[in-house]
């Protein structure tokens, strides 16, 4: 009998918590759904798996998401703003799911014994995390006893604190912060030399140990095809099953690679758009400054023109005043000449003895 532990970024909180239409799931025995055991990180809250996971993300990583959204707002890219539900489904943000199982549908596994083994394993897993700086948080766990063989789904999120003390999501940095070494410290870290390999081996060993403590005889050989004492047909079935699993793994890996490539392309496009946005923003700032200077110069020119118009108006008023004064002096001079001629005429009349009415200068001035 084999004790298996498989990890991946697949899985569904809704499926694990049976939060969907069971009429469409032929592999589930609805009469045994009530036998399933469920747990999530906040046992006091009455909510489904999906809500519990999203709430943990919001409480622990909400500030990181808001900071990211704020950068998109500042860069005028509202289409990149994400809700927490969208964000936590990104390839590098979604929870990791582990499936634990003993044997397969052809082997007899006591459901209660299996549930006790899973609960013991989960307690060990959470204690390990607490003792090593909380590199991950177990979000939800479901022990399914309503399918062909008992199995458990464990979902966790890898987390670490950055230089500012803020929580971020990241498997490699979380394992490094927890002190998990590389398989070969003399070689660079990579696909075949990473800390997750060491951690997964630790978990598999603990899972097999717990299963053995519960009375199960666990096959520890890595390749079941080497068990030559098995019947021929069972060896053939194992070959076929392994080929099927390998084909599924290749397809899954291909999808993951394609998703990673697409995500990297998207990140590069976003980075290029951010760069162009920064250039445009700098140009816009320069144009705004130039426009401000032009407006200031126009305002100053307007004020200068207004002052010139006021001076011109004063000059025109002064010119009118001078003209009026000159006209008054010409009128006075004309009146004086008229009075002088009248006075001379009167004097002449007086000499010849002719009387004439005398008029005052005021009369001539009228």
Protein backbone atom coordinates (compact mmCIF):
# COMPACT_ATOMS: atom_id res chain seq x y z
CA UNK A 1 0.00 0.00 0.00
CA UNK A 2 1.32 3.43 -0.92
CA UNK A 3 0.93 6.69 1.01
CA UNK A 4 0.85 9.51 -1.55
CA UNK A 5 1.27 13.26 -1.22
CA UNK A 6 0.78 15.33 -4.37
CA UNK A 7 1.13 19.13 -4.67
CA UNK A 8 0.00 21.61 -7.28
CA UNK A 9 -1.54 25.01 -8.00
CA UNK A 10 -4.69 23.36 -9.24
CA UNK A 11 -7.66 22.54 -7.07
CA UNK A 12 -10.73 24.44 -6.00
CA UNK A 13 -11.93 25.60 -2.60
CA UNK A 14 -15.48 25.33 -3.89
CA UNK A 15 -14.95 21.70 -4.88
CA UNK A 16 -13.23 20.81 -1.62
CA UNK A 17 -15.99 22.38 0.47
CA UNK A 18 -18.69 20.81 -1.73
CA UNK A 19 -20.02 24.25 -2.55
CA UNK A 20 -21.40 23.29 -5.95
CA UNK A 21 -24.25 21.30 -7.53
CA UNK A 22 -23.55 17.71 -6.53
CA UNK A 23 -26.05 16.43 -9.08
CA UNK A 24 -23.41 17.07 -11.71
CA UNK A 25 -20.72 15.05 -9.88
CA UNK A 26 -21.32 11.38 -10.60
CA UNK A 27 -18.19 10.30 -8.71
CA UNK A 28 -19.59 11.66 -5.41
CA UNK A 29 -21.92 9.55 -3.28
CA UNK A 30 -24.40 12.16 -2.02
CA UNK A 31 -25.55 9.85 0.77
CA UNK A 32 -22.06 10.03 2.30
CA UNK A 33 -21.35 13.76 1.89
CA UNK A 34 -22.33 14.30 5.51
CA UNK A 35 -19.43 12.00 6.52
CA UNK A 36 -16.88 14.48 5.15
CA UNK A 37 -14.78 16.54 7.58
CA UNK A 38 -14.08 20.22 6.93
CA UNK A 39 -11.78 22.78 8.57
CA UNK A 40 -10.55 26.28 7.78
CA UNK A 41 -8.12 28.69 9.37
CA UNK A 42 -10.75 30.63 11.36
CA UNK A 43 -12.91 27.93 12.92
CA UNK A 44 -15.03 30.53 14.77
CA UNK A 45 -16.31 32.08 11.53
CA UNK A 46 -19.31 30.56 9.80
CA UNK A 47 -18.33 30.80 6.15
CA UNK A 48 -17.55 28.53 3.22
CA UNK A 49 -14.05 27.62 2.06
CA UNK A 50 -13.95 30.23 -0.70
CA UNK A 51 -14.98 33.01 1.68
CA UNK A 52 -12.50 31.89 4.35
CA UNK A 53 -9.60 31.84 1.89
CA UNK A 54 -10.46 35.23 0.42
CA UNK A 55 -10.82 36.76 3.89
CA UNK A 56 -7.37 35.51 4.92
CA UNK A 57 -5.88 36.97 1.75
CA UNK A 58 -7.63 40.27 2.42
CA UNK A 59 -6.46 40.51 6.02
CA UNK A 60 -2.91 39.38 5.36
CA UNK A 61 -2.19 40.69 1.83
CA UNK A 62 -4.82 43.41 1.33
CA UNK A 63 -2.24 46.20 1.79
CA UNK A 64 0.02 44.66 -0.88
CA UNK A 65 -2.86 44.46 -3.37
CA UNK A 66 -3.98 48.03 -2.63
CA UNK A 67 -0.41 49.27 -3.14
CA UNK A 68 -0.31 47.53 -6.51
CA UNK A 69 -3.71 48.96 -7.51
CA UNK A 70 -2.63 52.44 -6.43
CA UNK A 71 0.37 52.23 -8.78
CA UNK A 72 -1.98 51.30 -11.62
CA UNK A 73 -4.27 54.24 -10.76
CA UNK A 74 -1.31 56.63 -10.70
CA UNK A 75 -0.18 55.27 -14.08
CA UNK A 76 -3.74 55.67 -15.40
CA UNK A 77 -4.28 51.97 -16.03
CA UNK A 78 -7.63 51.24 -14.36
CA UNK A 79 -7.99 48.09 -16.47
CA UNK A 80 -5.14 46.51 -14.46
CA UNK A 81 -6.79 47.05 -11.10
CA UNK A 82 -7.81 43.73 -9.52
CA UNK A 83 -10.15 42.63 -6.81
CA UNK A 84 -8.85 40.26 -4.19
CA UNK A 85 -10.83 37.41 -5.79
CA UNK A 86 -9.07 38.07 -9.12
CA UNK A 87 -5.66 38.63 -7.58
CA UNK A 88 -5.59 35.40 -5.57
CA UNK A 89 -6.27 33.37 -8.72
CA UNK A 90 -3.06 34.57 -10.41
CA UNK A 91 -0.65 31.74 -11.13
CA UNK A 92 1.92 32.94 -8.58
CA UNK A 93 -0.64 34.06 -5.97
CA UNK A 94 -3.14 31.20 -5.78
CA UNK A 95 -2.99 28.71 -2.90
CA UNK A 96 -1.03 25.49 -3.24
CA UNK A 97 -3.10 22.33 -2.80
CA UNK A 98 -1.83 19.02 -1.41
CA UNK A 99 -3.72 15.73 -1.69
CA UNK A 100 -3.01 13.00 0.85
CA UNK A 101 -4.17 9.47 0.23
CA UNK A 102 -3.51 5.93 1.44
CA UNK A 103 -3.81 3.21 -1.18
CA UNK A 104 -6.38 3.50 -3.95
CA UNK A 105 -9.97 2.47 -4.63
CA UNK A 106 -8.96 -1.21 -4.85
CA UNK A 107 -7.59 -1.21 -1.30
CA UNK A 108 -9.53 -1.20 1.95
CA UNK A 109 -8.82 1.92 4.05
CA UNK A 110 -10.80 2.56 7.21
CA UNK A 111 -12.34 6.09 6.91
CA UNK A 112 -12.03 6.89 10.62
CA UNK A 113 -8.43 5.66 10.77
CA UNK A 114 -7.61 7.69 7.68
CA UNK A 115 -9.23 10.83 9.17
CA UNK A 116 -7.16 10.45 12.35
CA UNK A 117 -3.96 10.12 10.31
CA UNK A 118 -4.82 13.25 8.28
CA UNK A 119 -5.63 15.29 11.37
CA UNK A 120 -2.35 14.23 12.98
CA UNK A 121 -0.47 15.15 9.80
CA UNK A 122 -2.16 18.53 9.58
CA UNK A 123 -1.32 19.35 13.21
CA UNK A 124 2.33 18.45 12.54
CA UNK A 125 2.34 20.61 9.40
CA UNK A 126 0.92 23.67 11.17
CA UNK A 127 3.26 23.21 14.15
CA UNK A 128 6.22 23.05 11.75
CA UNK A 129 5.13 26.32 10.15
CA UNK A 130 4.77 28.10 13.51
CA UNK A 131 8.16 26.85 14.65
CA UNK A 132 9.85 28.13 11.47
CA UNK A 133 8.51 31.67 11.16
CA UNK A 134 5.15 30.91 9.52
CA UNK A 135 6.38 30.37 5.94
CA UNK A 136 2.88 29.18 5.07
CA UNK A 137 -0.66 29.26 6.42
CA UNK A 138 -2.97 26.30 6.05
CA UNK A 139 -6.18 27.86 4.75
CA UNK A 140 -8.59 24.95 4.39
CA UNK A 141 -8.63 21.19 4.67
CA UNK A 142 -11.27 18.68 3.61
CA UNK A 143 -11.33 14.94 4.25
CA UNK A 144 -13.50 13.41 1.55
CA UNK A 145 -15.13 10.14 2.50
CA UNK A 146 -17.86 10.35 -0.14
CA UNK A 147 -15.77 9.16 -3.10
CA UNK A 148 -14.31 5.80 -4.14
CA UNK A 149 -11.32 6.09 -1.78
CA UNK A 150 -10.72 8.36 1.22
CA UNK A 151 -8.43 11.31 0.54
CA UNK A 152 -7.73 14.78 1.91
CA UNK A 153 -7.30 18.21 0.26
CA UNK A 154 -5.04 20.67 2.10
CA UNK A 155 -4.71 24.22 0.75
CA UNK A 156 -2.04 26.64 1.94
CA UNK A 157 -0.49 29.96 0.93
CA UNK A 158 3.27 30.54 1.04
CA UNK A 159 4.13 33.85 2.72
CA UNK A 160 7.09 35.89 3.96
CA UNK A 161 7.86 39.34 5.33
CA UNK A 162 9.73 41.79 3.11
CA UNK A 163 12.37 44.29 4.24
CA UNK A 164 9.61 46.63 5.45
CA UNK A 165 7.99 43.90 7.52
CA UNK A 166 4.96 43.60 5.22
CA UNK A 167 3.55 40.18 4.32
CA UNK A 168 4.04 39.09 0.72
CA UNK A 169 3.31 35.89 -1.22
CA UNK A 170 6.27 33.83 -2.41
CA UNK A 171 7.18 30.16 -2.05
CA UNK A 172 10.95 30.36 -2.58
CA UNK A 173 11.48 33.34 -0.28
CA UNK A 174 9.23 31.80 2.37
CA UNK A 175 11.22 28.54 2.37
CA UNK A 176 14.51 30.42 2.43
CA UNK A 177 13.33 32.53 5.38
CA UNK A 178 12.29 29.32 7.15
CA UNK A 179 15.84 28.00 6.85
CA UNK A 180 15.09 25.16 4.43
CA UNK A 181 18.37 24.34 2.62
CA UNK A 182 18.97 23.47 -1.01
CA UNK A 183 19.39 19.78 -1.86
CA UNK A 184 22.90 20.55 -3.10
CA UNK A 185 24.37 23.75 -1.68
CA UNK A 186 27.30 23.56 -4.13
CA UNK A 187 25.00 23.98 -7.13
CA UNK A 188 22.93 27.02 -8.11
CA UNK A 189 19.25 27.00 -7.26
CA UNK A 190 17.05 25.82 -10.10
CA UNK A 191 14.34 23.46 -11.26
CA UNK A 192 16.22 20.38 -10.06
CA UNK A 193 17.87 21.98 -7.05
CA UNK A 194 15.42 23.98 -4.96
CA UNK A 195 14.21 24.19 -1.36
CA UNK A 196 10.73 22.92 -2.21
CA UNK A 197 12.25 19.52 -3.05
CA UNK A 198 13.69 19.29 0.46
CA UNK A 199 10.43 20.40 2.07
CA UNK A 200 8.28 18.00 0.01
CA UNK A 201 10.59 15.12 0.89
CA UNK A 202 10.24 16.03 4.57
CA UNK A 203 6.44 16.08 4.29
CA UNK A 204 6.29 12.78 2.38
CA UNK A 205 8.49 11.08 4.95
CA UNK A 206 6.33 12.38 7.80
CA UNK A 207 3.14 11.29 6.04
CA UNK A 208 4.46 7.75 5.54
CA UNK A 209 5.63 7.64 9.15
CA UNK A 210 2.19 8.65 10.45
CA UNK A 211 0.46 6.12 8.18
CA UNK A 212 2.76 3.38 9.48
CA UNK A 213 2.05 4.43 13.07
CA UNK A 214 -1.64 3.89 12.29
CA UNK A 215 -0.99 0.32 11.30
CA UNK A 216 -0.66 0.59 7.53
CA UNK A 217 2.14 -1.24 5.74
CA UNK A 218 3.52 1.43 3.44
CA UNK A 219 5.48 0.68 0.29
CA UNK A 220 8.50 3.02 0.30
CA UNK A 221 10.02 2.02 -3.02
CA UNK A 222 9.81 4.99 -5.41
CA UNK A 223 8.83 2.91 -8.45
CA UNK A 224 5.97 0.42 -7.96
CA UNK A 225 6.87 -1.39 -11.18
CA UNK A 226 9.94 -2.83 -9.43
CA UNK A 227 7.73 -4.95 -7.18
CA UNK A 228 8.19 -8.12 -9.22
CA UNK A 229 6.22 -10.18 -6.75
CA UNK A 230 3.00 -8.57 -7.94
CA UNK A 231 0.71 -10.48 -10.27
CA UNK A 232 1.28 -9.85 -13.96
CA UNK A 233 -2.05 -8.12 -14.52
CA UNK A 234 -1.49 -5.79 -11.55
CA UNK A 235 1.95 -4.86 -12.90
CA UNK A 236 0.34 -4.13 -16.28
CA UNK A 237 -2.32 -2.02 -14.55
CA UNK A 238 0.38 -0.14 -12.66
CA UNK A 239 2.23 0.51 -15.91
CA UNK A 240 -0.91 1.82 -17.55
CA UNK A 241 -1.80 3.96 -14.56
CA UNK A 242 1.69 5.41 -14.37
CA UNK A 243 1.66 6.18 -18.10
CA UNK A 244 -1.69 7.88 -17.68
CA UNK A 245 -0.47 9.90 -14.71
CA UNK A 246 2.69 10.82 -16.56
CA UNK A 247 0.68 11.97 -19.57
CA UNK A 248 -1.58 14.03 -17.32
CA UNK A 249 1.47 15.49 -15.59
CA UNK A 250 3.02 16.41 -18.94
CA UNK A 251 -0.20 18.11 -20.05
CA UNK A 252 -0.47 19.90 -16.74
CA UNK A 253 3.15 20.99 -16.93
CA UNK A 254 2.61 22.18 -20.50
CA UNK A 255 -0.35 24.26 -19.37
CA UNK A 256 1.68 25.65 -16.47
CA UNK A 257 4.58 26.49 -18.79
CA UNK A 258 2.21 28.15 -21.25
CA UNK A 259 0.58 30.08 -18.43
CA UNK A 260 3.99 31.16 -17.11
CA UNK A 261 5.11 32.25 -20.57
CA UNK A 262 1.88 34.17 -21.08
CA UNK A 263 2.22 35.78 -17.66
CA UNK A 264 5.83 36.78 -18.34
CA UNK A 265 4.79 38.27 -21.68
CA UNK A 266 2.00 40.14 -19.94
CA UNK A 267 4.44 41.38 -17.29
CA UNK A 268 6.83 42.58 -20.00
CA UNK A 269 3.98 44.32 -21.81
CA UNK A 270 2.86 45.94 -18.58
CA UNK A 271 6.43 47.02 -17.82
CA UNK A 272 6.76 48.54 -21.30
CA UNK A 273 3.41 50.27 -20.92
CA UNK A 274 4.50 51.58 -17.53
CA UNK A 275 7.71 52.89 -19.08
CA UNK A 276 5.82 54.60 -21.89
CA UNK A 277 3.34 55.95 -19.40
CA UNK A 278 6.22 57.39 -17.36
CA UNK A 279 7.67 59.05 -20.48
CA UNK A 280 4.28 60.47 -21.44
CA UNK A 281 3.74 61.66 -17.90
CA UNK A 282 7.14 63.41 -17.91
CA UNK A 283 6.30 65.02 -21.26
CA UNK A 284 2.90 66.04 -19.96
CA UNK A 285 4.54 67.59 -16.90
CA UNK A 286 6.98 69.50 -19.13
CA UNK A 287 4.12 70.73 -21.33
CA UNK A 288 2.15 71.77 -18.27
CA UNK A 289 5.16 73.73 -17.01
CA UNK A 290 5.63 75.35 -20.43
CA UNK A 291 1.93 76.22 -20.58
CA UNK A 292 2.19 77.71 -17.10
CA UNK A 293 5.09 79.89 -18.21
CA UNK A 294 3.21 80.96 -21.36
CA UNK A 295 0.15 81.82 -19.29
CA UNK A 296 2.31 83.82 -16.87
CA UNK A 297 3.94 85.69 -19.78
CA UNK A 298 0.52 86.34 -21.35
CA UNK A 299 -0.79 87.62 -18.04
CA UNK A 300 2.23 89.92 -17.68
CA UNK A 301 1.77 91.16 -21.27
CA UNK A 302 -1.93 91.78 -20.56
CA UNK A 303 -1.03 93.78 -17.47
CA UNK A 304 1.59 95.76 -19.45
CA UNK A 305 -0.96 96.45 -22.21
CA UNK A 306 -3.49 97.58 -19.64
CA UNK A 307 -0.93 99.92 -18.09
CA UNK A 308 -0.07 101.29 -21.55
CA UNK A 309 -3.75 101.85 -22.29
CA UNK A 310 -4.10 103.74 -19.02
CA UNK A 311 -1.07 105.91 -19.87
CA UNK A 312 -2.49 106.52 -23.35
CA UNK A 313 -5.83 107.49 -21.83
CA UNK A 314 -4.07 109.91 -19.47
CA UNK A 315 -2.17 111.40 -22.40
CA UNK A 316 -5.34 111.84 -24.39
CA UNK A 317 -7.03 113.48 -21.39
CA UNK A 318 -4.03 115.78 -20.94
CA UNK A 319 -4.12 116.61 -24.66
CA UNK A 320 -7.82 117.51 -24.42
CA UNK A 321 -7.13 119.72 -21.38
CA UNK A 322 -4.30 121.56 -23.21
CA UNK A 323 -6.52 122.01 -26.26
CA UNK A 324 -9.32 123.45 -24.13
CA UNK A 325 -6.88 125.82 -22.40
CA UNK A 326 -5.47 126.95 -25.79
CA UNK A 327 -8.96 127.49 -27.12
CA UNK A 328 -9.85 129.59 -24.03
CA UNK A 329 -6.72 131.72 -24.49
CA UNK A 330 -7.52 132.29 -28.20
CA UNK A 331 -11.08 133.33 -27.26
CA UNK A 332 -9.79 135.75 -24.63
CA UNK A 333 -7.30 137.22 -27.10
CA UNK A 334 -10.03 137.71 -29.71
CA UNK A 335 -12.28 139.38 -27.15
CA UNK A 336 -9.44 141.68 -26.08
CA UNK A 337 -8.78 142.75 -29.69
CA UNK A 338 -12.48 143.43 -30.21
CA UNK A 339 -12.60 145.58 -27.07
CA UNK A 340 -9.52 147.50 -28.16
CA UNK A 341 -11.06 148.27 -31.55
CA UNK A 342 -14.28 149.40 -29.88
CA UNK A 343 -12.36 151.62 -27.50
CA UNK A 344 -10.42 153.18 -30.38
CA UNK A 345 -13.62 153.81 -32.30
CA UNK A 346 -15.16 155.47 -29.26
CA UNK A 347 -12.16 157.70 -28.81
CA UNK A 348 -12.41 158.76 -32.43
CA UNK A 349 -16.06 159.61 -32.04
CA UNK A 350 -15.34 161.58 -28.91
CA UNK A 351 -12.81 163.70 -30.79
CA UNK A 352 -15.26 164.61 -33.49
CA UNK A 353 -18.00 165.31 -30.99
CA UNK A 354 -20.22 162.41 -31.81
CA UNK A 355 -21.79 160.67 -28.92
CA UNK A 356 -22.11 156.94 -29.05
CA UNK A 357 -23.32 154.46 -26.48
CA UNK A 358 -20.49 153.10 -24.39
CA UNK A 359 -20.24 149.44 -23.87
CA UNK A 360 -18.23 147.72 -21.29
CA UNK A 361 -15.59 145.15 -22.02
CA UNK A 362 -17.91 142.62 -20.49
CA UNK A 363 -20.43 143.27 -23.29
CA UNK A 364 -17.79 142.54 -25.90
CA UNK A 365 -16.84 139.51 -24.14
CA UNK A 366 -20.37 138.09 -24.45
